[in-house]
Amino acid sequence: MPIDKRLTDLEIKATLTEDLLDQLNKTVFMQQQQIDFLAQELKILRQQIPHERPSQTQNLIDEIPPHY
């Protein structure tokens, strides 16, 4: 295989690898943004849940089953 052909093949592979790396970086960046957003949403939802004390927990026997 001539050196020129091998060099061209290596340049093509390097270019494709760089493109793939750019795509992966964009994907990781977008996923991190989504994780950050979901973590913030979870934090907000946890703040909305009333904090129950153990003495305030209800007895399951006192609850009416959903079919009644």
PDB file of N, CA and C in Angstrom:
ATOM      1  N   MET A   1       0.865  -1.170   0.000  1.00  0.00           N
ATOM      2  CA  MET A   1       0.000   0.000   0.000  1.00  0.00           C
ATOM      3  C   MET A   1       0.914   1.237   0.000  1.00  0.00           C
ATOM      4  N   PRO A   2       0.700   2.115  -0.936  1.00  0.00           N
ATOM      5  CA  PRO A   2       1.558   3.315  -1.010  1.00  0.00           C
ATOM      6  C   PRO A   2       1.373   4.189   0.235  1.00  0.00           C
ATOM      7  N   ILE A   3       2.418   4.894   0.587  1.00  0.00           N
ATOM      8  CA  ILE A   3       2.402   5.759   1.770  1.00  0.00           C
ATOM      9  C   ILE A   3       1.352   6.857   1.635  1.00  0.00           C
ATOM     10  N   ASP A   4       1.165   7.408   0.443  1.00  0.00           N
ATOM     11  CA  ASP A   4       0.161   8.462   0.236  1.00  0.00           C
ATOM     12  C   ASP A   4      -1.239   7.954   0.569  1.00  0.00           C
ATOM     13  N   LYS A   5      -1.556   6.741   0.154  1.00  0.00           N
ATOM     14  CA  LYS A   5      -2.881   6.153   0.437  1.00  0.00           C
ATOM     15  C   LYS A   5      -3.044   5.934   1.935  1.00  0.00           C
ATOM     16  N   ARG A   6      -2.015   5.428   2.591  1.00  0.00           N
ATOM     17  CA  ARG A   6      -2.078   5.198   4.037  1.00  0.00           C
ATOM     18  C   ARG A   6      -2.238   6.517   4.783  1.00  0.00           C
ATOM     19  N   LEU A   7      -1.517   7.531   4.348  1.00  0.00           N
ATOM     20  CA  LEU A   7      -1.616   8.843   4.982  1.00  0.00           C
ATOM     21  C   LEU A   7      -3.013   9.420   4.808  1.00  0.00           C
ATOM     22  N   THR A   8      -3.569   9.292   3.620  1.00  0.00           N
ATOM     23  CA  THR A   8      -4.930   9.777   3.353  1.00  0.00           C
ATOM     24  C   THR A   8      -5.935   9.041   4.229  1.00  0.00           C
ATOM     25  N   ASP A   9      -5.797   7.724   4.346  1.00  0.00           N
ATOM     26  CA  ASP A   9      -6.701   6.937   5.185  1.00  0.00           C
ATOM     27  C   ASP A   9      -6.608   7.372   6.653  1.00  0.00           C
ATOM     28  N   LEU A  10      -5.395   7.608   7.127  1.00  0.00           N
ATOM     29  CA  LEU A  10      -5.218   8.059   8.507  1.00  0.00           C
ATOM     30  C   LEU A  10      -5.824   9.442   8.734  1.00  0.00           C
ATOM     31  N   GLU A  11      -5.681  10.336   7.760  1.00  0.00           N
ATOM     32  CA  GLU A  11      -6.280  11.667   7.874  1.00  0.00           C
ATOM     33  C   GLU A  11      -7.803  11.574   7.921  1.00  0.00           C
ATOM     34  N   ILE A  12      -8.369  10.682   7.105  1.00  0.00           N
ATOM     35  CA  ILE A  12      -9.826  10.493   7.103  1.00  0.00           C
ATOM     36  C   ILE A  12     -10.276   9.960   8.469  1.00  0.00           C
ATOM     37  N   LYS A  13      -9.570   8.959   8.978  1.00  0.00           N
ATOM     38  CA  LYS A  13      -9.923   8.397  10.285  1.00  0.00           C
ATOM     39  C   LYS A  13      -9.806   9.452  11.388  1.00  0.00           C
ATOM     40  N   ALA A  14      -8.762  10.267  11.326  1.00  0.00           N
ATOM     41  CA  ALA A  14      -8.579  11.311  12.336  1.00  0.00           C
ATOM     42  C   ALA A  14      -9.726  12.318  12.281  1.00  0.00           C
ATOM     43  N   THR A  15     -10.135  12.689  11.071  1.00  0.00           N
ATOM     44  CA  THR A  15     -11.242  13.640  10.915  1.00  0.00           C
ATOM     45  C   THR A  15     -12.543  13.047  11.443  1.00  0.00           C
ATOM     46  N   LEU A  16     -12.813  11.791  11.106  1.00  0.00           N
ATOM     47  CA  LEU A  16     -14.030  11.136  11.596  1.00  0.00           C
ATOM     48  C   LEU A  16     -14.000  11.000  13.117  1.00  0.00           C
ATOM     49  N   THR A  17     -12.837  10.724  13.661  1.00  0.00           N
ATOM     50  CA  THR A  17     -12.705  10.613  15.113  1.00  0.00           C
ATOM     51  C   THR A  17     -12.958  11.955  15.784  1.00  0.00           C
ATOM     52  N   GLU A  18     -12.455  13.013  15.221  1.00  0.00           N
ATOM     53  CA  GLU A  18     -12.697  14.355  15.775  1.00  0.00           C
ATOM     54  C   GLU A  18     -14.178  14.700  15.726  1.00  0.00           C
ATOM     55  N   ASP A  19     -14.837  14.372  14.622  1.00  0.00           N
ATOM     56  CA  ASP A  19     -16.280  14.628  14.513  1.00  0.00           C
ATOM     57  C   ASP A  19     -17.056  13.833  15.556  1.00  0.00           C
ATOM     58  N   LEU A  20     -16.680  12.582  15.713  1.00  0.00           N
ATOM     59  CA  LEU A  20     -17.352  11.741  16.705  1.00  0.00           C
ATOM     60  C   LEU A  20     -17.137  12.289  18.107  1.00  0.00           C
ATOM     61  N   LEU A  21     -15.935  12.714  18.409  1.00  0.00           N
ATOM     62  CA  LEU A  21     -15.638  13.284  19.720  1.00  0.00           C
ATOM     63  C   LEU A  21     -16.445  14.555  19.962  1.00  0.00           C
ATOM     64  N   ASP A  22     -16.584  15.396  18.950  1.00  0.00           N
ATOM     65  CA  ASP A  22     -17.409  16.604  19.078  1.00  0.00           C
ATOM     66  C   ASP A  22     -18.863  16.247  19.366  1.00  0.00           C
ATOM     67  N   GLN A  23     -19.385  15.244  18.666  1.00  0.00           N
ATOM     68  CA  GLN A  23     -20.770  14.810  18.888  1.00  0.00           C
ATOM     69  C   GLN A  23     -20.941  14.269  20.307  1.00  0.00           C
ATOM     70  N   LEU A  24     -19.977  13.483  20.756  1.00  0.00           N
ATOM     71  CA  LEU A  24     -20.058  12.934  22.113  1.00  0.00           C
ATOM     72  C   LEU A  24     -19.981  14.037  23.165  1.00  0.00           C
ATOM     73  N   ASN A  25     -19.130  15.016  22.940  1.00  0.00           N
ATOM     74  CA  ASN A  25     -19.036  16.133  23.882  1.00  0.00           C
ATOM     75  C   ASN A  25     -20.349  16.906  23.957  1.00  0.00           C
ATOM     76  N   LYS A  26     -20.974  17.127  22.812  1.00  0.00           N
ATOM     77  CA  LYS A  26     -22.266  17.818  22.798  1.00  0.00           C
ATOM     78  C   LYS A  26     -23.321  17.010  23.533  1.00  0.00           C
ATOM     79  N   THR A  27     -23.305  15.699  23.312  1.00  0.00           N
ATOM     80  CA  THR A  27     -24.279  14.831  23.972  1.00  0.00           C
ATOM     81  C   THR A  27     -24.083  14.842  25.485  1.00  0.00           C
ATOM     82  N   VAL A  28     -22.845  14.726  25.926  1.00  0.00           N
ATOM     83  CA  VAL A  28     -22.551  14.746  27.360  1.00  0.00           C
ATOM     84  C   VAL A  28     -22.949  16.095  27.961  1.00  0.00           C
ATOM     85  N   PHE A  29     -22.672  17.176  27.261  1.00  0.00           N
ATOM     86  CA  PHE A  29     -23.031  18.507  27.749  1.00  0.00           C
ATOM     87  C   PHE A  29     -24.550  18.631  27.896  1.00  0.00           C
ATOM     88  N   MET A  30     -25.298  18.179  26.899  1.00  0.00           N
ATOM     89  CA  MET A  30     -26.758  18.263  26.968  1.00  0.00           C
ATOM     90  C   MET A  30     -27.299  17.367  28.075  1.00  0.00           C
ATOM     91  N   GLN A  31     -26.712  16.199  28.256  1.00  0.00           N
ATOM     92  CA  GLN A  31     -27.161  15.315  29.331  1.00  0.00           C
ATOM     93  C   GLN A  31     -26.882  15.936  30.699  1.00  0.00           C
ATOM     94  N   GLN A  32     -25.737  16.588  30.834  1.00  0.00           N
ATOM     95  CA  GLN A  32     -25.429  17.234  32.112  1.00  0.00           C
ATOM     96  C   GLN A  32     -26.405  18.373  32.394  1.00  0.00           C
ATOM     97  N   GLN A  33     -26.780  19.114  31.358  1.00  0.00           N
ATOM     98  CA  GLN A  33     -27.783  20.173  31.543  1.00  0.00           C
ATOM     99  C   GLN A  33     -29.104  19.576  32.004  1.00  0.00           C
ATOM    100  N   GLN A  34     -29.494  18.447  31.404  1.00  0.00           N
ATOM    101  CA  GLN A  34     -30.747  17.806  31.788  1.00  0.00           C
ATOM    102  C   GLN A  34     -30.662  17.270  33.220  1.00  0.00           C
ATOM    103  N   ILE A  35     -29.535  16.693  33.592  1.00  0.00           N
ATOM    104  CA  ILE A  35     -29.354  16.203  34.962  1.00  0.00           C
ATOM    105  C   ILE A  35     -29.454  17.360  35.953  1.00  0.00           C
ATOM    106  N   ASP A  36     -28.807  18.471  35.638  1.00  0.00           N
ATOM    107  CA  ASP A  36     -28.870  19.643  36.515  1.00  0.00           C
ATOM    108  C   ASP A  36     -30.296  20.149  36.652  1.00  0.00           C
ATOM    109  N   PHE A  37     -31.029  20.193  35.536  1.00  0.00           N
ATOM    110  CA  PHE A  37     -32.423  20.644  35.562  1.00  0.00           C
ATOM    111  C   PHE A  37     -33.272  19.705  36.418  1.00  0.00           C
ATOM    112  N   LEU A  38     -33.105  18.395  36.213  1.00  0.00           N
ATOM    113  CA  LEU A  38     -33.899  17.430  36.970  1.00  0.00           C
ATOM    114  C   LEU A  38     -33.544  17.449  38.455  1.00  0.00           C
ATOM    115  N   ALA A  39     -32.282  17.667  38.770  1.00  0.00           N
ATOM    116  CA  ALA A  39     -31.885  17.768  40.172  1.00  0.00           C
ATOM    117  C   ALA A  39     -32.543  18.984  40.823  1.00  0.00           C
ATOM    118  N   GLN A  40     -32.604  20.094  40.102  1.00  0.00           N
ATOM    119  CA  GLN A  40     -33.269  21.292  40.621  1.00  0.00           C
ATOM    120  C   GLN A  40     -34.766  21.051  40.801  1.00  0.00           C
ATOM    121  N   GLU A  41     -35.381  20.378  39.832  1.00  0.00           N
ATOM    122  CA  GLU A  41     -36.806  20.056  39.944  1.00  0.00           C
ATOM    123  C   GLU A  41     -37.060  19.161  41.158  1.00  0.00           C
ATOM    124  N   LEU A  42     -36.196  18.173  41.364  1.00  0.00           N
ATOM    125  CA  LEU A  42     -36.339  17.277  42.507  1.00  0.00           C
ATOM    126  C   LEU A  42     -36.206  18.045  43.819  1.00  0.00           C
ATOM    127  N   LYS A  43     -35.283  18.973  43.853  1.00  0.00           N
ATOM    128  CA  LYS A  43     -35.097  19.797  45.049  1.00  0.00           C
ATOM    129  C   LYS A  43     -36.363  20.604  45.343  1.00  0.00           C
ATOM    130  N   ILE A  44     -36.953  21.172  44.304  1.00  0.00           N
ATOM    131  CA  ILE A  44     -38.189  21.952  44.470  1.00  0.00           C
ATOM    132  C   ILE A  44     -39.322  21.058  44.951  1.00  0.00           C
ATOM    133  N   LEU A  45     -39.450  19.878  44.355  1.00  0.00           N
ATOM    134  CA  LEU A  45     -40.518  18.961  44.756  1.00  0.00           C
ATOM    135  C   LEU A  45     -40.347  18.498  46.199  1.00  0.00           C
ATOM    136  N   ARG A  46     -39.103  18.248  46.599  1.00  0.00           N
ATOM    137  CA  ARG A  46     -38.867  17.834  47.989  1.00  0.00           C
ATOM    138  C   ARG A  46     -39.229  18.945  48.964  1.00  0.00           C
ATOM    139  N   GLN A  47     -39.035  20.188  48.566  1.00  0.00           N
ATOM    140  CA  GLN A  47     -39.387  21.305  49.434  1.00  0.00           C
ATOM    141  C   GLN A  47     -40.899  21.449  49.558  1.00  0.00           C
ATOM    142  N   GLN A  48     -41.643  20.979  48.567  1.00  0.00           N
ATOM    143  CA  GLN A  48     -43.097  21.096  48.596  1.00  0.00           C
ATOM    144  C   GLN A  48     -43.751  20.009  49.444  1.00  0.00           C
ATOM    145  N   ILE A  49     -43.037  18.924  49.695  1.00  0.00           N
ATOM    146  CA  ILE A  49     -43.594  17.832  50.490  1.00  0.00           C
ATOM    147  C   ILE A  49     -43.566  18.246  51.961  1.00  0.00           C
ATOM    148  N   PRO A  50     -44.718  18.125  52.615  1.00  0.00           N
ATOM    149  CA  PRO A  50     -44.720  18.475  54.047  1.00  0.00           C
ATOM    150  C   PRO A  50     -43.861  17.478  54.829  1.00  0.00           C
ATOM    151  N   HIS A  51     -43.095  18.012  55.743  1.00  0.00           N
ATOM    152  CA  HIS A  51     -42.236  17.162  56.559  1.00  0.00           C
ATOM    153  C   HIS A  51     -43.062  16.604  57.705  1.00  0.00           C
ATOM    154  N   GLU A  52     -43.234  15.291  57.709  1.00  0.00           N
ATOM    155  CA  GLU A  52     -44.010  14.650  58.769  1.00  0.00           C
ATOM    156  C   GLU A  52     -43.074  14.186  59.868  1.00  0.00           C
ATOM    157  N   ARG A  53     -43.548  14.328  61.064  1.00  0.00           N
ATOM    158  CA  ARG A  53     -42.814  13.800  62.202  1.00  0.00           C
ATOM    159  C   ARG A  53     -43.317  12.384  62.462  1.00  0.00           C
ATOM    160  N   PRO A  54     -42.516  11.545  63.056  1.00  0.00           N
ATOM    161  CA  PRO A  54     -42.963  10.169  63.326  1.00  0.00           C
ATOM    162  C   PRO A  54     -44.248  10.113  64.139  1.00  0.00           C
ATOM    163  N   SER A  55     -44.488  11.073  65.028  1.00  0.00           N
ATOM    164  CA  SER A  55     -45.709  11.068  65.827  1.00  0.00           C
ATOM    165  C   SER A  55     -46.930  11.433  64.989  1.00  0.00           C
ATOM    166  N   GLN A  56     -46.721  12.027  63.839  1.00  0.00           N
ATOM    167  CA  GLN A  56     -47.833  12.443  62.996  1.00  0.00           C
ATOM    168  C   GLN A  56     -48.202  11.380  61.962  1.00  0.00           C
ATOM    169  N   THR A  57     -47.448  10.312  61.883  1.00  0.00           N
ATOM    170  CA  THR A  57     -47.751   9.295  60.878  1.00  0.00           C
ATOM    171  C   THR A  57     -49.076   8.643  61.218  1.00  0.00           C
ATOM    172  N   GLN A  58     -49.814   8.312  60.176  1.00  0.00           N
ATOM    173  CA  GLN A  58     -51.126   7.722  60.361  1.00  0.00           C
ATOM    174  C   GLN A  58     -51.009   6.204  60.442  1.00  0.00           C
ATOM    175  N   ASN A  59     -51.917   5.644  61.165  1.00  0.00           N
ATOM    176  CA  ASN A  59     -51.981   4.205  61.278  1.00  0.00           C
ATOM    177  C   ASN A  59     -52.711   3.673  60.045  1.00  0.00           C
ATOM    178  N   LEU A  60     -52.144   2.679  59.385  1.00  0.00           N
ATOM    179  CA  LEU A  60     -52.765   2.138  58.172  1.00  0.00           C
ATOM    180  C   LEU A  60     -54.113   1.495  58.458  1.00  0.00           C
ATOM    181  N   ILE A  61     -54.342   1.040  59.674  1.00  0.00           N
ATOM    182  CA  ILE A  61     -55.629   0.431  60.037  1.00  0.00           C
ATOM    183  C   ILE A  61     -56.731   1.483  60.007  1.00  0.00           C
ATOM    184  N   ASP A  62     -56.408   2.741  60.331  1.00  0.00           N
ATOM    185  CA  ASP A  62     -57.396   3.813  60.370  1.00  0.00           C
ATOM    186  C   ASP A  62     -57.788   4.308  58.987  1.00  0.00           C
ATOM    187  N   GLU A  63     -57.017   3.976  57.988  1.00  0.00           N
ATOM    188  CA  GLU A  63     -57.309   4.459  56.644  1.00  0.00           C
ATOM    189  C   GLU A  63     -58.371   3.590  55.961  1.00  0.00           C
ATOM    190  N   ILE A  64     -59.211   4.229  55.182  1.00  0.00           N
ATOM    191  CA  ILE A  64     -60.245   3.515  54.449  1.00  0.00           C
ATOM    192  C   ILE A  64     -59.639   3.001  53.142  1.00  0.00           C
ATOM    193  N   PRO A  65     -59.853   1.758  52.818  1.00  0.00           N
ATOM    194  CA  PRO A  65     -59.314   1.222  51.555  1.00  0.00           C
ATOM    195  C   PRO A  65     -59.888   2.001  50.360  1.00  0.00           C
ATOM    196  N   PRO A  66     -59.178   2.075  49.256  1.00  0.00           N
ATOM    197  CA  PRO A  66     -59.617   2.887  48.127  1.00  0.00           C
ATOM    198  C   PRO A  66     -60.923   2.433  47.484  1.00  0.00           C
ATOM    199  N   HIS A  67     -61.338   1.181  47.677  1.00  0.00           N
ATOM    200  CA  HIS A  67     -62.564   0.718  47.050  1.00  0.00           C
ATOM    201  C   HIS A  67     -63.817   1.080  47.841  1.00  0.00           C
ATOM    202  N   TYR A  68     -63.678   1.752  48.981  1.00  0.00           N
ATOM    203  CA  TYR A  68     -64.857   2.175  49.762  1.00  0.00           C
ATOM    204  C   TYR A  68     -65.209   3.587  49.454  1.00  0.00           C
TER     205      TYR A  68
END
